Amino acid sequence: MKQQEQAVSGTSATQGPSRREAWERATGVPMVVLAVLFLGVYAWFVLDTGASPQLDAWLERVDVVIWVLFAGDFLMRFGLSTRRWQFLRTHPVELLIVLVPPFRPLRPLRLVRAAVLVLGTLNRHTLTHRTRLSVFVGSSSVLILFLCSLAFFDAEYGVEGSKVLNFGDALWWSAVSVTTVGYGDVYPVTVEGRLISLVLMTFGIGIISFAIGTTTSWVIDQLKTVEESADRTDREINVLVEEIRALRAEVAALHETNNAESSNSVGADGR
């Protein structure tokens, strides 16, 4: 009986993940499209700054629909998982997105989900490992800088004491923060802005470390290529030297043979 239960549980464990993976494969492209749509809606909503109330109201409704679709996808994947607690532990951001309504201060959480979907798709469709790593880091850097600028502008614009007067100030803050320069002319005054600053500074340290590591790896690869080319050239030179020696030996042997034949012919004529 226990063996049958174990067999059934093993079968369900095998079927569960496959059903979830099938769902994720089927909804992969639509979710990426939804993520890109959300990024566009979020950017338009933030940069509009309330200039068009009707457009803002329409974007609010679109934002709620996107949240519902994200939540539905998460709940479906949760329902198809056999190890549901493990699924919740490995997807904390998505769980928080589902549990919390789409209020304005919490929109940056969905930026994380949207960015992960877009970057994951880009990473899967890049060919070689080195190209994949370079393209992924480069595209993620640009995307995260832009998204952090949007989130920072959304959090800081219009707040009393804020130094962010336009989106250009937010972009400047992102560039200064990610490079860990820290001029201090633009700084966060809200809790949300400080959290975004912490994320961006941590990301900046990682980007700098990756740039140093990638440059070092590239230099080492170039040195290895030069050394391998030099070794190959040395081997080819050695082969050519051996061939020249062999040719000289053959030429010397031919000279000796010709000299011997000439001396023999002269001796025969003298007789």
C-alpha atoms as a PDB file:
ATOM      1  CA  MET A   1       0.000   0.000   0.000  1.00  0.00           C
ATOM      2  CA  LYS A   2       2.801   2.378   0.921  1.00  0.00           C
ATOM      3  CA  GLN A   3       4.611   1.510  -2.278  1.00  0.00           C
ATOM      4  CA  GLN A   4       1.488   2.349  -4.264  1.00  0.00           C
ATOM      5  CA  GLU A   5       1.141   5.676  -2.448  1.00  0.00           C
ATOM      6  CA  GLN A   6       4.794   6.435  -3.104  1.00  0.00           C
ATOM      7  CA  ALA A   7       4.355   5.511  -6.752  1.00  0.00           C
ATOM      8  CA  VAL A   8       1.284   7.750  -7.022  1.00  0.00           C
ATOM      9  CA  SER A   9       3.050  10.628  -5.275  1.00  0.00           C
ATOM     10  CA  GLY A  10       6.098  10.123  -7.482  1.00  0.00           C
ATOM     11  CA  THR A  11       3.896  10.133 -10.568  1.00  0.00           C
ATOM     12  CA  SER A  12       2.123  13.302  -9.460  1.00  0.00           C
ATOM     13  CA  ALA A  13       5.462  14.928  -8.653  1.00  0.00           C
ATOM     14  CA  THR A  14       6.571  14.076 -12.163  1.00  0.00           C
ATOM     15  CA  GLN A  15       3.377  15.353 -13.769  1.00  0.00           C
ATOM     16  CA  GLY A  16       3.087  18.524 -11.638  1.00  0.00           C
ATOM     17  CA  PRO A  17       6.251  20.299 -12.744  1.00  0.00           C
ATOM     18  CA  SER A  18       5.706  19.235 -16.347  1.00  0.00           C
ATOM     19  CA  ARG A  19       2.229  20.779 -16.341  1.00  0.00           C
ATOM     20  CA  ARG A  20       3.577  23.982 -14.830  1.00  0.00           C
ATOM     21  CA  GLU A  21       6.453  24.076 -17.295  1.00  0.00           C
ATOM     22  CA  ALA A  22       4.001  23.510 -20.138  1.00  0.00           C
ATOM     23  CA  TRP A  23       1.931  26.433 -18.877  1.00  0.00           C
ATOM     24  CA  GLU A  24       5.025  28.637 -18.579  1.00  0.00           C
ATOM     25  CA  ARG A  25       6.097  27.738 -22.111  1.00  0.00           C
ATOM     26  CA  ALA A  26       2.625  28.449 -23.470  1.00  0.00           C
ATOM     27  CA  THR A  27       2.304  31.789 -21.685  1.00  0.00           C
ATOM     28  CA  GLY A  28       5.949  32.880 -22.046  1.00  0.00           C
ATOM     29  CA  VAL A  29       5.504  35.151 -25.055  1.00  0.00           C
ATOM     30  CA  PRO A  30       2.170  36.666 -23.896  1.00  0.00           C
ATOM     31  CA  MET A  31       3.659  37.437 -20.477  1.00  0.00           C
ATOM     32  CA  VAL A  32       6.669  39.123 -22.075  1.00  0.00           C
ATOM     33  CA  VAL A  33       4.329  41.207 -24.249  1.00  0.00           C
ATOM     34  CA  LEU A  34       2.352  42.046 -21.116  1.00  0.00           C
ATOM     35  CA  ALA A  35       5.570  43.016 -19.329  1.00  0.00           C
ATOM     36  CA  VAL A  36       6.621  45.316 -22.179  1.00  0.00           C
ATOM     37  CA  LEU A  37       3.120  46.831 -22.179  1.00  0.00           C
ATOM     38  CA  PHE A  38       3.367  47.435 -18.454  1.00  0.00           C
ATOM     39  CA  LEU A  39       6.764  49.104 -18.853  1.00  0.00           C
ATOM     40  CA  GLY A  40       5.315  51.400 -21.495  1.00  0.00           C
ATOM     41  CA  VAL A  41       2.229  52.184 -19.418  1.00  0.00           C
ATOM     42  CA  TYR A  42       4.314  52.824 -16.334  1.00  0.00           C
ATOM     43  CA  ALA A  43       6.738  55.095 -18.193  1.00  0.00           C
ATOM     44  CA  TRP A  44       3.912  57.028 -19.843  1.00  0.00           C
ATOM     45  CA  PHE A  45       2.033  57.341 -16.573  1.00  0.00           C
ATOM     46  CA  VAL A  46       5.096  58.598 -14.690  1.00  0.00           C
ATOM     47  CA  LEU A  47       6.275  61.039 -17.345  1.00  0.00           C
ATOM     48  CA  ASP A  48       2.771  62.395 -17.921  1.00  0.00           C
ATOM     49  CA  THR A  49       2.879  63.940 -14.386  1.00  0.00           C
ATOM     50  CA  GLY A  50      -0.876  64.489 -14.313  1.00  0.00           C
ATOM     51  CA  ALA A  51      -1.055  66.724 -17.379  1.00  0.00           C
ATOM     52  CA  SER A  52      -3.905  64.639 -18.841  1.00  0.00           C
ATOM     53  CA  PRO A  53      -6.372  63.412 -16.198  1.00  0.00           C
ATOM     54  CA  GLN A  54      -8.377  61.386 -18.709  1.00  0.00           C
ATOM     55  CA  LEU A  55      -5.273  59.576 -19.942  1.00  0.00           C
ATOM     56  CA  ASP A  56      -4.166  58.965 -16.362  1.00  0.00           C
ATOM     57  CA  ALA A  57      -7.546  57.442 -15.519  1.00  0.00           C
ATOM     58  CA  TRP A  58      -7.377  55.183 -18.571  1.00  0.00           C
ATOM     59  CA  LEU A  59      -3.837  54.101 -17.715  1.00  0.00           C
ATOM     60  CA  GLU A  60      -4.953  53.338 -14.169  1.00  0.00           C
ATOM     61  CA  ARG A  61      -7.535  50.902 -15.529  1.00  0.00           C
ATOM     62  CA  VAL A  62      -4.955  49.308 -17.841  1.00  0.00           C
ATOM     63  CA  ASP A  63      -2.621  49.028 -14.861  1.00  0.00           C
ATOM     64  CA  VAL A  64      -5.262  47.155 -12.863  1.00  0.00           C
ATOM     65  CA  VAL A  65      -5.908  44.775 -15.767  1.00  0.00           C
ATOM     66  CA  ILE A  66      -2.191  44.029 -16.055  1.00  0.00           C
ATOM     67  CA  TRP A  67      -2.033  43.366 -12.312  1.00  0.00           C
ATOM     68  CA  VAL A  68      -4.974  40.957 -12.590  1.00  0.00           C
ATOM     69  CA  LEU A  69      -3.273  39.088 -15.447  1.00  0.00           C
ATOM     70  CA  PHE A  70       0.010  38.888 -13.541  1.00  0.00           C
ATOM     71  CA  ALA A  71      -1.868  37.609 -10.500  1.00  0.00           C
ATOM     72  CA  GLY A  72      -3.782  35.057 -12.584  1.00  0.00           C
ATOM     73  CA  ASP A  73      -0.560  33.739 -14.101  1.00  0.00           C
ATOM     74  CA  PHE A  74       1.031  33.433 -10.660  1.00  0.00           C
ATOM     75  CA  LEU A  75      -1.982  31.640  -9.191  1.00  0.00           C
ATOM     76  CA  MET A  76      -2.112  29.242 -12.142  1.00  0.00           C
ATOM     77  CA  ARG A  77       1.574  28.372 -11.782  1.00  0.00           C
ATOM     78  CA  PHE A  78       1.075  27.990  -8.043  1.00  0.00           C
ATOM     79  CA  GLY A  79      -1.866  25.642  -8.590  1.00  0.00           C
ATOM     80  CA  LEU A  80       0.091  23.501 -11.067  1.00  0.00           C
ATOM     81  CA  SER A  81       3.044  23.140  -8.681  1.00  0.00           C
ATOM     82  CA  THR A  82       3.280  20.079  -6.463  1.00  0.00           C
ATOM     83  CA  ARG A  83       5.775  21.698  -4.076  1.00  0.00           C
ATOM     84  CA  ARG A  84       3.750  24.810  -3.496  1.00  0.00           C
ATOM     85  CA  TRP A  85       5.561  26.065  -0.412  1.00  0.00           C
ATOM     86  CA  GLN A  86       8.841  25.813  -2.259  1.00  0.00           C
ATOM     87  CA  PHE A  87       7.285  27.711  -5.157  1.00  0.00           C
ATOM     88  CA  LEU A  88       6.223  30.486  -2.793  1.00  0.00           C
ATOM     89  CA  ARG A  89       9.664  30.641  -1.197  1.00  0.00           C
ATOM     90  CA  THR A  90      11.382  30.920  -4.576  1.00  0.00           C
ATOM     91  CA  HIS A  91       9.002  33.595  -5.919  1.00  0.00           C
ATOM     92  CA  PRO A  92       8.670  36.131  -3.070  1.00  0.00           C
ATOM     93  CA  VAL A  93       8.470  39.215  -5.285  1.00  0.00           C
ATOM     94  CA  GLU A  94       5.694  37.762  -7.420  1.00  0.00           C
ATOM     95  CA  LEU A  95       3.826  36.710  -4.271  1.00  0.00           C
ATOM     96  CA  LEU A  96       4.060  40.249  -2.945  1.00  0.00           C
ATOM     97  CA  ILE A  97       2.800  41.587  -6.274  1.00  0.00           C
ATOM     98  CA  VAL A  98      -0.263  39.340  -6.047  1.00  0.00           C
ATOM     99  CA  LEU A  99      -1.033  40.060  -2.400  1.00  0.00           C
ATOM    100  CA  VAL A 100      -0.696  43.832  -2.662  1.00  0.00           C
ATOM    101  CA  PRO A 101      -3.126  45.803  -4.850  1.00  0.00           C
ATOM    102  CA  PRO A 102      -1.696  47.975  -7.641  1.00  0.00           C
ATOM    103  CA  PHE A 103      -1.244  51.117  -5.572  1.00  0.00           C
ATOM    104  CA  ARG A 104       1.106  53.789  -6.864  1.00  0.00           C
ATOM    105  CA  PRO A 105       3.866  53.376  -4.202  1.00  0.00           C
ATOM    106  CA  LEU A 106       4.088  49.651  -4.967  1.00  0.00           C
ATOM    107  CA  ARG A 107       4.368  49.818  -8.748  1.00  0.00           C
ATOM    108  CA  PRO A 108       8.190  49.411  -8.658  1.00  0.00           C
ATOM    109  CA  LEU A 109       7.645  45.849  -7.436  1.00  0.00           C
ATOM    110  CA  ARG A 110       6.016  44.983 -10.737  1.00  0.00           C
ATOM    111  CA  LEU A 111       8.890  46.688 -12.515  1.00  0.00           C
ATOM    112  CA  VAL A 112      11.088  43.907 -11.138  1.00  0.00           C
ATOM    113  CA  ARG A 113       8.778  41.223 -12.518  1.00  0.00           C
ATOM    114  CA  ALA A 114       8.511  42.929 -15.909  1.00  0.00           C
ATOM    115  CA  ALA A 115      12.263  43.480 -16.154  1.00  0.00           C
ATOM    116  CA  VAL A 116      12.966  39.834 -15.290  1.00  0.00           C
ATOM    117  CA  LEU A 117      10.572  38.639 -18.007  1.00  0.00           C
ATOM    118  CA  VAL A 118      12.066  40.893 -20.684  1.00  0.00           C
ATOM    119  CA  LEU A 119      15.692  40.199 -19.779  1.00  0.00           C
ATOM    120  CA  GLY A 120      15.071  36.468 -19.437  1.00  0.00           C
ATOM    121  CA  THR A 121      13.663  36.325 -22.954  1.00  0.00           C
ATOM    122  CA  LEU A 122      16.601  38.319 -24.315  1.00  0.00           C
ATOM    123  CA  ASN A 123      19.036  36.037 -22.508  1.00  0.00           C
ATOM    124  CA  ARG A 124      17.471  32.866 -23.939  1.00  0.00           C
ATOM    125  CA  HIS A 125      17.575  34.145 -27.525  1.00  0.00           C
ATOM    126  CA  THR A 126      21.234  35.207 -27.485  1.00  0.00           C
ATOM    127  CA  LEU A 127      23.585  32.743 -29.117  1.00  0.00           C
ATOM    128  CA  THR A 128      27.052  32.280 -27.662  1.00  0.00           C
ATOM    129  CA  HIS A 129      27.871  32.322 -23.955  1.00  0.00           C
ATOM    130  CA  ARG A 130      30.168  35.342 -24.171  1.00  0.00           C
ATOM    131  CA  THR A 131      27.741  37.222 -26.403  1.00  0.00           C
ATOM    132  CA  ARG A 132      24.860  36.225 -24.149  1.00  0.00           C
ATOM    133  CA  LEU A 133      26.645  37.506 -21.059  1.00  0.00           C
ATOM    134  CA  SER A 134      27.708  40.774 -22.677  1.00  0.00           C
ATOM    135  CA  VAL A 135      24.321  41.460 -24.266  1.00  0.00           C
ATOM    136  CA  PHE A 136      22.479  40.494 -21.094  1.00  0.00           C
ATOM    137  CA  VAL A 137      24.569  42.717 -18.840  1.00  0.00           C
ATOM    138  CA  GLY A 138      24.556  45.616 -21.298  1.00  0.00           C
ATOM    139  CA  SER A 139      20.813  45.485 -21.911  1.00  0.00           C
ATOM    140  CA  SER A 140      20.034  44.919 -18.233  1.00  0.00           C
ATOM    141  CA  SER A 141      22.206  47.903 -17.307  1.00  0.00           C
ATOM    142  CA  VAL A 142      20.371  50.231 -19.690  1.00  0.00           C
ATOM    143  CA  LEU A 143      16.958  48.859 -18.719  1.00  0.00           C
ATOM    144  CA  ILE A 144      17.569  48.978 -14.973  1.00  0.00           C
ATOM    145  CA  LEU A 145      19.007  52.490 -15.172  1.00  0.00           C
ATOM    146  CA  PHE A 146      15.933  53.663 -17.065  1.00  0.00           C
ATOM    147  CA  LEU A 147      13.488  51.849 -14.773  1.00  0.00           C
ATOM    148  CA  CYS A 148      15.195  53.088 -11.610  1.00  0.00           C
ATOM    149  CA  SER A 149      15.086  56.602 -13.033  1.00  0.00           C
ATOM    150  CA  LEU A 150      11.363  56.213 -13.646  1.00  0.00           C
ATOM    151  CA  ALA A 151      10.723  54.765 -10.197  1.00  0.00           C
ATOM    152  CA  PHE A 152      12.849  57.450  -8.546  1.00  0.00           C
ATOM    153  CA  PHE A 153      11.101  60.198 -10.482  1.00  0.00           C
ATOM    154  CA  ASP A 154       7.723  58.699  -9.579  1.00  0.00           C
ATOM    155  CA  ALA A 155       8.667  58.618  -5.891  1.00  0.00           C
ATOM    156  CA  GLU A 156      10.434  61.975  -5.594  1.00  0.00           C
ATOM    157  CA  TYR A 157       8.752  64.334  -8.045  1.00  0.00           C
ATOM    158  CA  GLY A 158       6.490  66.859  -6.363  1.00  0.00           C
ATOM    159  CA  VAL A 159       7.524  65.885  -2.828  1.00  0.00           C
ATOM    160  CA  GLU A 160       8.406  68.710  -0.455  1.00  0.00           C
ATOM    161  CA  GLY A 161      12.161  69.161  -0.217  1.00  0.00           C
ATOM    162  CA  SER A 162      12.862  66.999  -3.272  1.00  0.00           C
ATOM    163  CA  LYS A 163      15.638  68.012  -5.648  1.00  0.00           C
ATOM    164  CA  VAL A 164      14.011  66.159  -8.550  1.00  0.00           C
ATOM    165  CA  LEU A 165      12.393  68.823 -10.702  1.00  0.00           C
ATOM    166  CA  ASN A 166      12.221  66.859 -13.971  1.00  0.00           C
ATOM    167  CA  PHE A 167      13.038  63.452 -15.422  1.00  0.00           C
ATOM    168  CA  GLY A 168      16.505  64.640 -16.408  1.00  0.00           C
ATOM    169  CA  ASP A 169      17.325  65.040 -12.720  1.00  0.00           C
ATOM    170  CA  ALA A 170      16.275  61.427 -12.151  1.00  0.00           C
ATOM    171  CA  LEU A 171      18.474  60.228 -15.020  1.00  0.00           C
ATOM    172  CA  TRP A 172      21.395  62.222 -13.624  1.00  0.00           C
ATOM    173  CA  TRP A 173      20.803  60.691 -10.194  1.00  0.00           C
ATOM    174  CA  SER A 174      20.813  57.183 -11.724  1.00  0.00           C
ATOM    175  CA  ALA A 175      24.088  57.780 -13.558  1.00  0.00           C
ATOM    176  CA  VAL A 176      25.748  59.217 -10.450  1.00  0.00           C
ATOM    177  CA  SER A 177      24.443  56.439  -8.199  1.00  0.00           C
ATOM    178  CA  VAL A 178      25.315  53.513 -10.456  1.00  0.00           C
ATOM    179  CA  THR A 179      28.872  54.768 -10.886  1.00  0.00           C
ATOM    180  CA  THR A 180      29.101  55.298  -7.094  1.00  0.00           C
ATOM    181  CA  VAL A 181      30.305  58.882  -7.671  1.00  0.00           C
ATOM    182  CA  GLY A 182      27.732  60.487  -5.417  1.00  0.00           C
ATOM    183  CA  TYR A 183      27.823  64.234  -6.084  1.00  0.00           C
ATOM    184  CA  GLY A 184      24.989  64.785  -3.631  1.00  0.00           C
ATOM    185  CA  ASP A 185      23.180  67.426  -5.667  1.00  0.00           C
ATOM    186  CA  VAL A 186      20.213  65.056  -6.136  1.00  0.00           C
ATOM    187  CA  TYR A 187      19.284  62.743  -3.279  1.00  0.00           C
ATOM    188  CA  PRO A 188      16.151  60.900  -2.120  1.00  0.00           C
ATOM    189  CA  VAL A 189      13.874  62.350   0.548  1.00  0.00           C
ATOM    190  CA  THR A 190      11.252  59.574   0.575  1.00  0.00           C
ATOM    191  CA  VAL A 191      11.500  56.041   1.924  1.00  0.00           C
ATOM    192  CA  GLU A 192      10.686  54.608  -1.490  1.00  0.00           C
ATOM    193  CA  GLY A 193      13.382  56.744  -3.108  1.00  0.00           C
ATOM    194  CA  ARG A 194      15.955  55.561  -0.583  1.00  0.00           C
ATOM    195  CA  LEU A 195      15.082  51.931  -1.230  1.00  0.00           C
ATOM    196  CA  ILE A 196      15.472  52.497  -4.966  1.00  0.00           C
ATOM    197  CA  SER A 197      18.821  54.185  -4.291  1.00  0.00           C
ATOM    198  CA  LEU A 198      19.982  51.171  -2.299  1.00  0.00           C
ATOM    199  CA  VAL A 199      19.023  48.813  -5.116  1.00  0.00           C
ATOM    200  CA  LEU A 200      20.738  50.932  -7.748  1.00  0.00           C
ATOM    201  CA  MET A 201      23.942  51.387  -5.738  1.00  0.00           C
ATOM    202  CA  THR A 202      24.143  47.636  -5.147  1.00  0.00           C
ATOM    203  CA  PHE A 203      23.580  47.074  -8.841  1.00  0.00           C
ATOM    204  CA  GLY A 204      26.269  49.642  -9.661  1.00  0.00           C
ATOM    205  CA  ILE A 205      28.847  47.808  -7.566  1.00  0.00           C
ATOM    206  CA  GLY A 206      27.954  44.594  -9.372  1.00  0.00           C
ATOM    207  CA  ILE A 207      28.229  46.251 -12.787  1.00  0.00           C
ATOM    208  CA  ILE A 208      31.642  47.715 -11.977  1.00  0.00           C
ATOM    209  CA  SER A 209      32.840  44.332 -10.716  1.00  0.00           C
ATOM    210  CA  PHE A 210      31.531  42.648 -13.841  1.00  0.00           C
ATOM    211  CA  ALA A 211      33.186  45.239 -16.095  1.00  0.00           C
ATOM    212  CA  ILE A 212      36.528  44.726 -14.360  1.00  0.00           C
ATOM    213  CA  GLY A 213      36.168  40.948 -14.510  1.00  0.00           C
ATOM    214  CA  THR A 214      35.113  40.978 -18.163  1.00  0.00           C
ATOM    215  CA  THR A 215      37.979  43.275 -19.139  1.00  0.00           C
ATOM    216  CA  THR A 216      40.476  41.122 -17.263  1.00  0.00           C
ATOM    217  CA  SER A 217      39.082  37.974 -18.863  1.00  0.00           C
ATOM    218  CA  TRP A 218      39.270  39.579 -22.312  1.00  0.00           C
ATOM    219  CA  VAL A 219      42.895  40.635 -21.785  1.00  0.00           C
ATOM    220  CA  ILE A 220      43.811  37.140 -20.573  1.00  0.00           C
ATOM    221  CA  ASP A 221      42.085  35.590 -23.592  1.00  0.00           C
ATOM    222  CA  GLN A 222      43.954  37.932 -25.913  1.00  0.00           C
ATOM    223  CA  LEU A 223      47.276  37.071 -24.262  1.00  0.00           C
ATOM    224  CA  LYS A 224      46.486  33.380 -24.572  1.00  0.00           C
ATOM    225  CA  THR A 225      45.652  33.879 -28.240  1.00  0.00           C
ATOM    226  CA  VAL A 226      48.946  35.694 -28.815  1.00  0.00           C
ATOM    227  CA  GLU A 227      50.877  32.988 -26.963  1.00  0.00           C
ATOM    228  CA  GLU A 228      49.139  30.224 -28.909  1.00  0.00           C
ATOM    229  CA  SER A 229      49.844  32.054 -32.163  1.00  0.00           C
ATOM    230  CA  ALA A 230      53.502  32.483 -31.192  1.00  0.00           C
ATOM    231  CA  ASP A 231      53.788  28.798 -30.272  1.00  0.00           C
ATOM    232  CA  ARG A 232      52.167  27.803 -33.546  1.00  0.00           C
ATOM    233  CA  THR A 233      54.562  30.079 -35.447  1.00  0.00           C
ATOM    234  CA  ASP A 234      57.551  28.580 -33.617  1.00  0.00           C
ATOM    235  CA  ARG A 235      56.392  25.084 -34.502  1.00  0.00           C
ATOM    236  CA  GLU A 236      55.946  26.046 -38.138  1.00  0.00           C
ATOM    237  CA  ILE A 237      59.428  27.627 -38.194  1.00  0.00           C
ATOM    238  CA  ASN A 238      60.930  24.480 -36.687  1.00  0.00           C
ATOM    239  CA  VAL A 239      59.206  22.371 -39.335  1.00  0.00           C
ATOM    240  CA  LEU A 240      60.540  24.650 -42.078  1.00  0.00           C
ATOM    241  CA  VAL A 241      64.061  24.459 -40.619  1.00  0.00           C
ATOM    242  CA  GLU A 242      63.904  20.658 -40.608  1.00  0.00           C
ATOM    243  CA  GLU A 243      62.651  20.653 -44.196  1.00  0.00           C
ATOM    244  CA  ILE A 244      65.493  22.989 -45.243  1.00  0.00           C
ATOM    245  CA  ARG A 245      68.016  20.715 -43.552  1.00  0.00           C
ATOM    246  CA  ALA A 246      66.547  17.709 -45.323  1.00  0.00           C
ATOM    247  CA  LEU A 247      66.694  19.531 -48.664  1.00  0.00           C
ATOM    248  CA  ARG A 248      70.312  20.509 -48.047  1.00  0.00           C
ATOM    249  CA  ALA A 249      71.161  16.914 -47.257  1.00  0.00           C
ATOM    250  CA  GLU A 250      69.480  15.763 -50.458  1.00  0.00           C
ATOM    251  CA  VAL A 251      71.324  18.427 -52.472  1.00  0.00           C
ATOM    252  CA  ALA A 252      74.650  17.401 -50.910  1.00  0.00           C
ATOM    253  CA  ALA A 253      73.925  13.759 -51.683  1.00  0.00           C
ATOM    254  CA  LEU A 254      73.133  14.645 -55.287  1.00  0.00           C
ATOM    255  CA  HIS A 255      76.405  16.598 -55.574  1.00  0.00           C
ATOM    256  CA  GLU A 256      78.360  13.635 -54.236  1.00  0.00           C
ATOM    257  CA  THR A 257      76.613  11.314 -56.664  1.00  0.00           C
ATOM    258  CA  ASN A 258      77.318  13.627 -59.603  1.00  0.00           C
ATOM    259  CA  ASN A 259      80.976  13.995 -58.591  1.00  0.00           C
ATOM    260  CA  ALA A 260      81.384  10.240 -58.301  1.00  0.00           C
ATOM    261  CA  GLU A 261      79.823   9.678 -61.712  1.00  0.00           C
ATOM    262  CA  SER A 262      82.053  12.380 -63.237  1.00  0.00           C
ATOM    263  CA  SER A 263      85.229  10.853 -61.791  1.00  0.00           C
ATOM    264  CA  ASN A 264      84.223   7.419 -63.015  1.00  0.00           C
ATOM    265  CA  SER A 265      83.589   8.710 -66.525  1.00  0.00           C
ATOM    266  CA  VAL A 266      86.959  10.517 -66.606  1.00  0.00           C
ATOM    267  CA  GLY A 267      88.785   7.369 -65.485  1.00  0.00           C
ATOM    268  CA  ALA A 268      87.108   5.323 -68.180  1.00  0.00           C
ATOM    269  CA  ASP A 269      88.074   7.813 -70.895  1.00  0.00           C
ATOM    270  CA  GLY A 270      91.740   7.796 -69.757  1.00  0.00           C
ATOM    271  CA  ARG A 271      91.953   4.074 -70.240  1.00  0.00           C
END
